[in-house]
Structures are given as structure tokens and as C-alpha cells.
Amino acid sequence: DKTTRLLGFRPKYSALDAAAEAVNALLDERRLVARTV
């Protein structure tokens, strides 16, 4: 049941997941820059 639910909700939250990943990437880049500087 859990697997089917996850697969069913995946399309709806795919955009949100992508946005979250982008935000995390930006935060990681800022951290790396802060470390290097």
C-alpha cells in the first residue's frame, strides 16, 4: 500500500521535490563559497 501511495503521489510532489533540491543546491553552494572565502 505504501509503495502504491508513494508512486501515486510522486507526480504531484515531483515539482516540489525539484524545487527543494534546487534550494538545497543553492544553500550548499553558499556553504562552499563561505568555506572557501
PDB file of N, CA and C in Angstrom:
ATOM      1  N   ASP A   1       0.846  -1.209   0.000  1.00  0.00           N
ATOM      2  CA  ASP A   1       0.000   0.000   0.000  1.00  0.00           C
ATOM      3  C   ASP A   1       0.878   1.255   0.000  1.00  0.00           C
ATOM      4  N   LYS A   2       1.899   1.265   0.846  1.00  0.00           N
ATOM      5  CA  LYS A   2       2.764   2.455   0.915  1.00  0.00           C
ATOM      6  C   LYS A   2       3.415   2.717  -0.432  1.00  0.00           C
ATOM      7  N   THR A   3       3.917   1.657  -1.068  1.00  0.00           N
ATOM      8  CA  THR A   3       4.598   1.841  -2.356  1.00  0.00           C
ATOM      9  C   THR A   3       3.640   2.418  -3.390  1.00  0.00           C
ATOM     10  N   THR A   4       2.427   1.887  -3.449  1.00  0.00           N
ATOM     11  CA  THR A   4       1.456   2.384  -4.434  1.00  0.00           C
ATOM     12  C   THR A   4       1.115   3.835  -4.129  1.00  0.00           C
ATOM     13  N   ARG A   5       0.974   4.191  -2.864  1.00  0.00           N
ATOM     14  CA  ARG A   5       0.651   5.572  -2.496  1.00  0.00           C
ATOM     15  C   ARG A   5       1.789   6.497  -2.906  1.00  0.00           C
ATOM     16  N   LEU A   6       3.027   6.090  -2.611  1.00  0.00           N
ATOM     17  CA  LEU A   6       4.178   6.921  -2.970  1.00  0.00           C
ATOM     18  C   LEU A   6       4.208   7.137  -4.476  1.00  0.00           C
ATOM     19  N   LEU A   7       4.022   6.054  -5.236  1.00  0.00           N
ATOM     20  CA  LEU A   7       4.040   6.177  -6.701  1.00  0.00           C
ATOM     21  C   LEU A   7       2.902   7.074  -7.164  1.00  0.00           C
ATOM     22  N   GLY A   8       1.754   6.985  -6.509  1.00  0.00           N
ATOM     23  CA  GLY A   8       0.604   7.786  -6.908  1.00  0.00           C
ATOM     24  C   GLY A   8       0.826   9.264  -6.623  1.00  0.00           C
ATOM     25  N   PHE A   9       1.499   9.555  -5.497  1.00  0.00           N
ATOM     26  CA  PHE A   9       1.708  10.960  -5.134  1.00  0.00           C
ATOM     27  C   PHE A   9       2.976  11.536  -5.740  1.00  0.00           C
ATOM     28  N   ARG A  10       3.825  10.684  -6.272  1.00  0.00           N
ATOM     29  CA  ARG A  10       5.097  11.143  -6.831  1.00  0.00           C
ATOM     30  C   ARG A  10       4.906  12.262  -7.861  1.00  0.00           C
ATOM     31  N   PRO A  11       4.019  12.090  -8.863  1.00  0.00           N
ATOM     32  CA  PRO A  11       3.843  13.121  -9.898  1.00  0.00           C
ATOM     33  C   PRO A  11       3.478  14.479  -9.312  1.00  0.00           C
ATOM     34  N   LYS A  12       2.636  14.495  -8.295  1.00  0.00           N
ATOM     35  CA  LYS A  12       2.193  15.761  -7.713  1.00  0.00           C
ATOM     36  C   LYS A  12       3.344  16.464  -7.007  1.00  0.00           C
ATOM     37  N   TYR A  13       4.163  15.700  -6.279  1.00  0.00           N
ATOM     38  CA  TYR A  13       5.220  16.322  -5.487  1.00  0.00           C
ATOM     39  C   TYR A  13       6.558  16.380  -6.216  1.00  0.00           C
ATOM     40  N   SER A  14       6.574  15.899  -7.467  1.00  0.00           N
ATOM     41  CA  SER A  14       7.828  15.911  -8.220  1.00  0.00           C
ATOM     42  C   SER A  14       8.335  17.348  -8.362  1.00  0.00           C
ATOM     43  N   ALA A  15       7.437  18.268  -8.650  1.00  0.00           N
ATOM     44  CA  ALA A  15       7.824  19.670  -8.822  1.00  0.00           C
ATOM     45  C   ALA A  15       8.356  20.225  -7.503  1.00  0.00           C
ATOM     46  N   LEU A  16       7.659  19.940  -6.413  1.00  0.00           N
ATOM     47  CA  LEU A  16       8.102  20.426  -5.102  1.00  0.00           C
ATOM     48  C   LEU A  16       9.464  19.831  -4.765  1.00  0.00           C
ATOM     49  N   ASP A  17       9.644  18.537  -5.067  1.00  0.00           N
ATOM     50  CA  ASP A  17      10.928  17.890  -4.783  1.00  0.00           C
ATOM     51  C   ASP A  17      12.037  18.564  -5.577  1.00  0.00           C
ATOM     52  N   ALA A  18      11.767  18.860  -6.834  1.00  0.00           N
ATOM     53  CA  ALA A  18      12.769  19.515  -7.687  1.00  0.00           C
ATOM     54  C   ALA A  18      13.125  20.884  -7.116  1.00  0.00           C
ATOM     55  N   ALA A  19      12.116  21.616  -6.679  1.00  0.00           N
ATOM     56  CA  ALA A  19      12.356  22.943  -6.106  1.00  0.00           C
ATOM     57  C   ALA A  19      13.183  22.821  -4.829  1.00  0.00           C
ATOM     58  N   ALA A  20      12.838  21.851  -3.995  1.00  0.00           N
ATOM     59  CA  ALA A  20      13.578  21.643  -2.747  1.00  0.00           C
ATOM     60  C   ALA A  20      15.025  21.302  -3.054  1.00  0.00           C
ATOM     61  N   GLU A  21      15.242  20.451  -4.056  1.00  0.00           N
ATOM     62  CA  GLU A  21      16.609  20.076  -4.419  1.00  0.00           C
ATOM     63  C   GLU A  21      17.376  21.302  -4.903  1.00  0.00           C
ATOM     64  N   ALA A  22      16.720  22.155  -5.678  1.00  0.00           N
ATOM     65  CA  ALA A  22      17.372  23.368  -6.183  1.00  0.00           C
ATOM     66  C   ALA A  22      17.765  24.272  -5.020  1.00  0.00           C
ATOM     67  N   VAL A  23      16.860  24.438  -4.063  1.00  0.00           N
ATOM     68  CA  VAL A  23      17.146  25.284  -2.895  1.00  0.00           C
ATOM     69  C   VAL A  23      18.318  24.702  -2.116  1.00  0.00           C
ATOM     70  N   ASN A  24      18.291  23.376  -1.913  1.00  0.00           N
ATOM     71  CA  ASN A  24      19.387  22.731  -1.187  1.00  0.00           C
ATOM     72  C   ASN A  24      20.709  22.929  -1.914  1.00  0.00           C
ATOM     73  N   ALA A  25      20.677  22.851  -3.237  1.00  0.00           N
ATOM     74  CA  ALA A  25      21.892  23.034  -4.036  1.00  0.00           C
ATOM     75  C   ALA A  25      22.426  24.452  -3.841  1.00  0.00           C
ATOM     76  N   LEU A  26      21.524  25.436  -3.872  1.00  0.00           N
ATOM     77  CA  LEU A  26      21.958  26.827  -3.685  1.00  0.00           C
ATOM     78  C   LEU A  26      22.562  27.003  -2.296  1.00  0.00           C
ATOM     79  N   LEU A  27      21.928  26.426  -1.289  1.00  0.00           N
ATOM     80  CA  LEU A  27      22.453  26.540   0.073  1.00  0.00           C
ATOM     81  C   LEU A  27      23.823  25.879   0.162  1.00  0.00           C
ATOM     82  N   ASP A  28      23.977  24.718  -0.486  1.00  0.00           N
ATOM     83  CA  ASP A  28      25.261  24.024  -0.473  1.00  0.00           C
ATOM     84  C   ASP A  28      26.324  24.885  -1.135  1.00  0.00           C
ATOM     85  N   GLU A  29      25.976  25.530  -2.258  1.00  0.00           N
ATOM     86  CA  GLU A  29      26.935  26.378  -2.961  1.00  0.00           C
ATOM     87  C   GLU A  29      27.357  27.534  -2.057  1.00  0.00           C
ATOM     88  N   ARG A  30      26.399  28.128  -1.369  1.00  0.00           N
ATOM     89  CA  ARG A  30      26.726  29.242  -0.468  1.00  0.00           C
ATOM     90  C   ARG A  30      27.653  28.749   0.638  1.00  0.00           C
ATOM     91  N   ARG A  31      27.396  27.545   1.152  1.00  0.00           N
ATOM     92  CA  ARG A  31      28.253  26.995   2.204  1.00  0.00           C
ATOM     93  C   ARG A  31      29.664  26.796   1.690  1.00  0.00           C
ATOM     94  N   LEU A  32      29.776  26.241   0.478  1.00  0.00           N
ATOM     95  CA  LEU A  32      31.096  26.004  -0.111  1.00  0.00           C
ATOM     96  C   LEU A  32      31.822  27.331  -0.312  1.00  0.00           C
ATOM     97  N   VAL A  33      31.093  28.332  -0.824  1.00  0.00           N
ATOM     98  CA  VAL A  33      31.707  29.647  -1.034  1.00  0.00           C
ATOM     99  C   VAL A  33      32.159  30.224   0.299  1.00  0.00           C
ATOM    100  N   ALA A  34      31.324  30.114   1.306  1.00  0.00           N
ATOM    101  CA  ALA A  34      31.670  30.640   2.626  1.00  0.00           C
ATOM    102  C   ALA A  34      32.912  29.923   3.160  1.00  0.00           C
ATOM    103  N   ARG A  35      33.004  28.631   2.906  1.00  0.00           N
ATOM    104  CA  ARG A  35      34.158  27.869   3.378  1.00  0.00           C
ATOM    105  C   ARG A  35      35.419  28.315   2.654  1.00  0.00           C
ATOM    106  N   THR A  36      35.323  28.441   1.326  1.00  0.00           N
ATOM    107  CA  THR A  36      36.497  28.812   0.537  1.00  0.00           C
ATOM    108  C   THR A  36      36.945  30.226   0.896  1.00  0.00           C
ATOM    109  N   VAL A  37      35.970  31.132   1.077  1.00  0.00           N
ATOM    110  CA  VAL A  37      36.318  32.519   1.415  1.00  0.00           C
ATOM    111  C   VAL A  37      36.616  32.581   2.910  1.00  0.00           C
TER     112      VAL A  37
END
